[in-house]
N, C-alpha and C. Protein backbone atom coordinates (compact mmCIF):
# COMPACT_ATOMS: atom_id res chain seq x y z
N MET A 1 123.53 123.17 139.56
CA MET A 1 122.90 122.72 139.34
C MET A 1 124.22 121.55 138.38
N LYS A 2 123.78 120.40 138.75
CA LYS A 2 124.84 119.10 137.98
C LYS A 2 124.53 118.76 136.96
N GLN A 3 124.91 119.47 135.83
CA GLN A 3 124.63 118.95 134.17
C GLN A 3 125.49 117.01 134.14
N SER A 4 124.09 117.10 133.76
CA SER A 4 124.73 115.35 132.94
C SER A 4 125.20 114.93 132.14
N HIS A 5 126.37 113.97 131.89
CA HIS A 5 127.08 113.93 130.82
C HIS A 5 126.90 112.20 130.13
N ASN A 6 125.81 111.66 130.99
CA ASN A 6 125.52 109.90 130.41
C ASN A 6 124.58 109.70 129.52
N MET A 7 123.66 110.85 129.17
CA MET A 7 123.17 110.84 127.75
C MET A 7 123.17 111.92 126.95
N GLU A 8 122.78 111.96 125.40
CA GLU A 8 122.63 113.51 124.89
C GLU A 8 121.44 113.30 123.24
N LEU A 9 120.97 114.38 123.33
CA LEU A 9 119.79 113.64 122.41
C LEU A 9 120.90 114.50 120.97
N TYR A 10 120.49 114.18 119.92
CA TYR A 10 120.49 114.97 118.83
C TYR A 10 119.71 115.40 117.41
N PHE A 11 119.75 116.23 117.10
CA PHE A 11 118.47 116.92 116.00
C PHE A 11 119.64 117.16 114.74
N GLU A 12 118.93 116.73 113.78
CA GLU A 12 119.33 117.75 112.71
C GLU A 12 118.76 118.85 112.45
N GLU A 13 118.98 119.90 111.63
CA GLU A 13 118.27 121.63 111.58
C GLU A 13 118.38 121.62 109.65
N ASP A 14 117.26 121.74 109.24
CA ASP A 14 117.31 121.84 107.51
C ASP A 14 117.89 123.50 107.67
N ASP A 15 117.61 124.65 108.47
CA ASP A 15 117.73 125.82 108.56
C ASP A 15 118.88 125.89 109.96
N PHE A 16 120.61 125.86 109.66
CA PHE A 16 120.90 125.30 111.02
C PHE A 16 121.69 127.05 110.93
N ASP A 17 121.39 128.29 110.19
CA ASP A 17 121.64 129.53 110.69
C ASP A 17 120.76 130.33 111.33
N LYS A 18 118.94 129.51 110.94
CA LYS A 18 118.30 130.44 111.59
C LYS A 18 118.00 129.48 112.79
N PHE A 19 118.32 128.62 113.06
CA PHE A 19 117.93 127.70 113.99
C PHE A 19 118.99 128.51 115.48
N ILE A 20 120.90 129.10 114.92
CA ILE A 20 121.87 129.56 115.73
C ILE A 20 121.13 131.22 116.13
N GLU A 21 120.14 131.33 115.28
CA GLU A 21 120.07 133.12 115.56
C GLU A 21 119.03 133.07 116.66
N LYS A 22 118.33 132.21 116.01
CA LYS A 22 116.80 131.57 117.45
C LYS A 22 118.18 131.51 118.24
N LEU A 23 118.49 130.52 118.77
CA LEU A 23 119.76 129.84 119.76
C LEU A 23 120.50 131.50 120.54
N GLU A 24 120.64 132.34 119.88
CA GLU A 24 121.19 133.25 120.16
C GLU A 24 120.48 134.52 120.80
N GLN A 25 119.17 134.44 121.01
CA GLN A 25 118.55 135.16 121.99
C GLN A 25 118.04 135.34 122.89
N ARG A 26 118.31 133.52 123.00
CA ARG A 26 118.04 133.47 124.25
C ARG A 26 119.66 133.03 125.67
N ASN A 27 119.10 133.64 126.42
CA ASN A 27 120.16 134.38 127.73
C ASN A 27 120.14 133.07 128.74
N ASP A 28 119.61 132.15 128.76
CA ASP A 28 119.71 130.79 129.48
C ASP A 28 120.05 129.26 129.28
N ILE A 29 120.98 129.92 128.23
CA ILE A 29 121.77 128.75 127.11
C ILE A 29 123.09 128.21 127.54
N LYS A 30 123.72 127.66 128.23
CA LYS A 30 124.73 126.96 128.22
C LYS A 30 125.35 126.23 127.53
N TYR A 31 126.27 126.64 126.78
CA TYR A 31 127.41 126.03 125.43
C TYR A 31 128.25 124.69 126.10
N LEU A 32 128.62 124.08 125.62
CA LEU A 32 129.79 123.23 125.60
C LEU A 32 130.43 123.46 124.59
N GLY A 33 131.88 123.87 124.64
CA GLY A 33 132.73 124.45 123.86
C GLY A 33 132.71 125.60 123.63
N GLU A 34 133.03 125.80 122.51
CA GLU A 34 132.50 127.39 121.46
C GLU A 34 132.03 127.39 120.58
N GLY A 35 130.70 127.13 120.82
CA GLY A 35 129.69 127.56 119.99
C GLY A 35 129.82 126.69 119.09
N VAL A 36 129.47 127.04 117.81
CA VAL A 36 128.92 126.61 116.06
C VAL A 36 130.83 125.67 115.79
N LYS A 37 130.77 124.23 116.09
CA LYS A 37 131.80 123.61 115.38
C LYS A 37 131.56 123.28 114.06
N GLU A 38 132.85 123.28 112.93
CA GLU A 38 132.72 122.11 111.86
C GLU A 38 133.62 121.15 111.97
N ALA A 39 132.51 120.72 111.26
CA ALA A 39 133.63 119.09 110.92
C ALA A 39 133.96 118.20 110.19
N LYS A 40 135.30 118.27 109.74
CA LYS A 40 136.55 118.05 108.33
C LYS A 40 135.09 118.03 107.35
N TRP A 41 134.17 117.35 107.34
CA TRP A 41 133.31 116.89 105.99
C TRP A 41 132.51 118.10 105.60
N GLY A 42 132.76 118.84 106.85
CA GLY A 42 131.96 120.62 106.67
C GLY A 42 130.39 120.50 107.64
N GLN A 43 129.83 119.61 108.46
CA GLN A 43 128.58 119.94 108.88
C GLN A 43 128.87 120.47 109.84
N ARG A 44 128.52 121.27 110.43
CA ARG A 44 128.31 122.65 111.21
C ARG A 44 127.03 121.98 112.45
N SER A 45 127.61 121.97 113.85
CA SER A 45 126.93 121.88 114.26
C SER A 45 127.48 122.03 115.93
N ILE A 46 126.46 122.18 116.67
CA ILE A 46 126.58 122.82 117.94
C ILE A 46 126.00 121.71 119.08
N ARG A 47 126.58 122.10 120.30
CA ARG A 47 126.00 121.30 121.62
C ARG A 47 125.97 122.25 122.59
N PHE A 48 124.52 121.92 123.50
CA PHE A 48 124.61 122.86 124.97
C PHE A 48 124.43 122.09 125.82
N TYR A 49 123.57 122.97 126.91
CA TYR A 49 122.98 121.53 127.90
C TYR A 49 121.12 122.43 127.63
N ASP A 50 119.89 121.66 127.32
CA ASP A 50 118.82 121.56 127.62
C ASP A 50 118.51 122.72 129.27
N LEU A 51 117.44 122.89 129.81
CA LEU A 51 117.10 123.90 130.62
C LEU A 51 116.89 122.93 132.02
N ASP A 52 117.05 121.66 132.17
CA ASP A 52 116.99 120.48 132.28
C ASP A 52 118.82 119.69 132.82
N GLY A 53 118.94 120.19 132.50
CA GLY A 53 121.11 120.11 132.66
C GLY A 53 121.89 118.76 131.45
N HIS A 54 120.49 118.19 130.03
CA HIS A 54 121.00 117.30 129.47
C HIS A 54 121.70 117.90 128.44
N VAL A 55 122.68 117.01 127.48
CA VAL A 55 123.58 117.59 126.57
C VAL A 55 122.43 117.52 125.39
N ILE A 56 121.93 118.70 124.58
CA ILE A 56 121.54 118.34 122.80
C ILE A 56 121.94 118.95 122.34
N GLU A 57 122.84 118.00 120.91
CA GLU A 57 123.48 118.56 119.71
C GLU A 57 122.72 118.69 118.99
N VAL A 58 122.62 119.97 117.84
CA VAL A 58 121.99 119.89 116.90
C VAL A 58 122.69 120.13 115.61
N GLY A 59 122.71 119.15 114.72
CA GLY A 59 123.19 119.50 113.34
C GLY A 59 122.87 119.86 112.12
N GLU A 60 123.72 120.56 111.10
CA GLU A 60 123.16 120.81 109.99
C GLU A 60 122.83 119.85 109.32
N ASN A 61 121.36 119.59 108.77
CA ASN A 61 121.35 118.44 107.74
C ASN A 61 122.74 118.21 106.62
N MET A 62 123.04 117.30 106.19
CA MET A 62 123.80 116.94 105.66
C MET A 62 123.37 116.62 104.21
N LYS A 63 121.48 116.98 103.82
CA LYS A 63 121.34 117.80 102.92
C LYS A 63 122.14 119.00 102.31
N MET A 64 121.66 120.01 102.82
CA MET A 64 121.56 121.21 103.19
C MET A 64 123.45 121.55 103.48
N VAL A 65 124.75 120.72 103.71
CA VAL A 65 125.41 120.99 104.22
C VAL A 65 126.26 120.77 101.70
N ILE A 66 125.48 119.93 102.24
CA ILE A 66 125.91 119.61 100.21
C ILE A 66 125.40 120.72 99.59
N LYS A 67 123.75 121.35 100.29
CA LYS A 67 123.76 122.77 98.65
C LYS A 67 124.45 123.73 99.31
N ARG A 68 124.72 123.81 100.50
CA ARG A 68 125.65 124.90 100.81
C ARG A 68 126.38 125.37 100.36
N PHE A 69 127.55 124.14 99.98
CA PHE A 69 128.63 123.97 98.88
C PHE A 69 128.59 123.99 98.16
N LEU A 70 127.30 123.49 96.92
CA LEU A 70 126.62 124.03 95.38
C LEU A 70 126.65 125.63 95.81
N ASN A 71 125.82 126.34 96.46
CA ASN A 71 125.39 127.44 96.72
C ASN A 71 126.66 128.22 96.88
N MET A 72 127.89 127.93 97.40
CA MET A 72 129.57 128.79 97.40
C MET A 72 129.85 128.42 96.05
N GLY A 73 129.23 128.03 95.13
CA GLY A 73 129.93 128.18 93.63
C GLY A 73 131.22 126.48 93.41
N MET A 74 130.63 126.08 94.92
CA MET A 74 132.06 124.18 94.58
C MET A 74 131.04 122.98 93.88
N SER A 75 131.59 122.45 93.00
CA SER A 75 131.54 121.81 91.73
C SER A 75 130.88 120.68 92.69
N MET A 76 130.02 119.42 92.21
CA MET A 76 130.26 118.50 92.76
C MET A 76 131.23 117.52 93.39
N ALA A 77 132.16 117.77 92.26
CA ALA A 77 133.64 117.07 92.19
C ALA A 77 133.92 117.00 93.61
N GLU A 78 134.45 118.82 93.44
CA GLU A 78 134.71 119.42 95.03
C GLU A 78 134.26 119.22 95.65
N THR A 79 132.22 119.37 96.11
CA THR A 79 132.13 118.52 96.61
C THR A 79 132.54 117.16 97.86
N SER A 80 132.12 116.38 96.83
CA SER A 80 132.63 114.66 96.97
C SER A 80 134.10 115.05 97.55
N LYS A 81 134.90 115.76 97.53
CA LYS A 81 136.29 115.50 97.68
C LYS A 81 136.22 116.18 99.41
N ARG A 82 135.41 117.36 99.14
CA ARG A 82 135.24 117.88 100.63
C ARG A 82 134.86 117.26 101.96
N MET A 83 133.74 116.98 101.17
CA MET A 83 132.97 115.48 102.48
C MET A 83 133.71 114.13 102.47
N ALA A 84 134.21 114.31 101.60
CA ALA A 84 134.79 112.35 101.14
C ALA A 84 133.57 111.19 101.32
N VAL A 85 132.81 111.99 100.34
CA VAL A 85 132.25 110.99 99.73
C VAL A 85 131.81 110.97 97.94
N SER A 86 130.86 109.90 97.82
CA SER A 86 130.95 109.50 95.98
C SER A 86 130.01 111.26 95.68
N ILE A 87 130.20 110.87 94.40
CA ILE A 87 129.10 111.85 93.79
C ILE A 87 128.15 111.10 93.62
N THR A 88 127.70 110.02 93.23
CA THR A 88 126.30 109.51 93.14
C THR A 88 125.97 108.69 94.99
N ASP A 89 126.64 108.84 95.69
CA ASP A 89 126.15 109.33 97.32
C ASP A 89 125.31 110.48 97.67
N LEU A 90 126.55 111.47 97.07
CA LEU A 90 125.62 112.67 97.17
C LEU A 90 124.47 113.16 96.40
N GLU A 91 124.39 112.59 95.14
CA GLU A 91 123.24 112.78 94.11
C GLU A 91 121.85 112.33 94.43
N THR A 92 122.69 110.86 95.72
CA THR A 92 121.66 110.04 96.06
C THR A 92 120.48 110.80 97.29
N LEU A 93 121.72 111.55 98.05
CA LEU A 93 120.93 112.38 99.11
C LEU A 93 120.32 113.30 98.64
N LEU A 94 120.95 114.47 97.61
CA LEU A 94 120.13 115.41 97.34
C LEU A 94 118.55 114.80 96.84
N HIS A 95 118.58 113.75 96.36
CA HIS A 95 117.17 113.99 95.32
C HIS A 95 116.30 112.64 96.27
N SER A 96 116.81 112.87 98.12
CA SER A 96 115.87 111.79 98.72
C SER A 96 114.90 112.53 99.19
């Protein structure tokens, strides 16, 4: 089957690690690239074809990226610098 590259669906996942675990249990998924990628701002994502050959991208919810960094021991200032986002914007997202 020829895969399509003219459309992509994007989803965000709160529990990205659990989603990846479930995805890895399947043997019928064809990945684009090398699996999970981490963007320079820290958001992790993965791209693959669905069973009909359409591109699906699933990314880590940005609020969860902030929480992951804070849980790793990074301060808000360090998280702000890592993500290139103001502390005010990070706090707004965390409380949304």
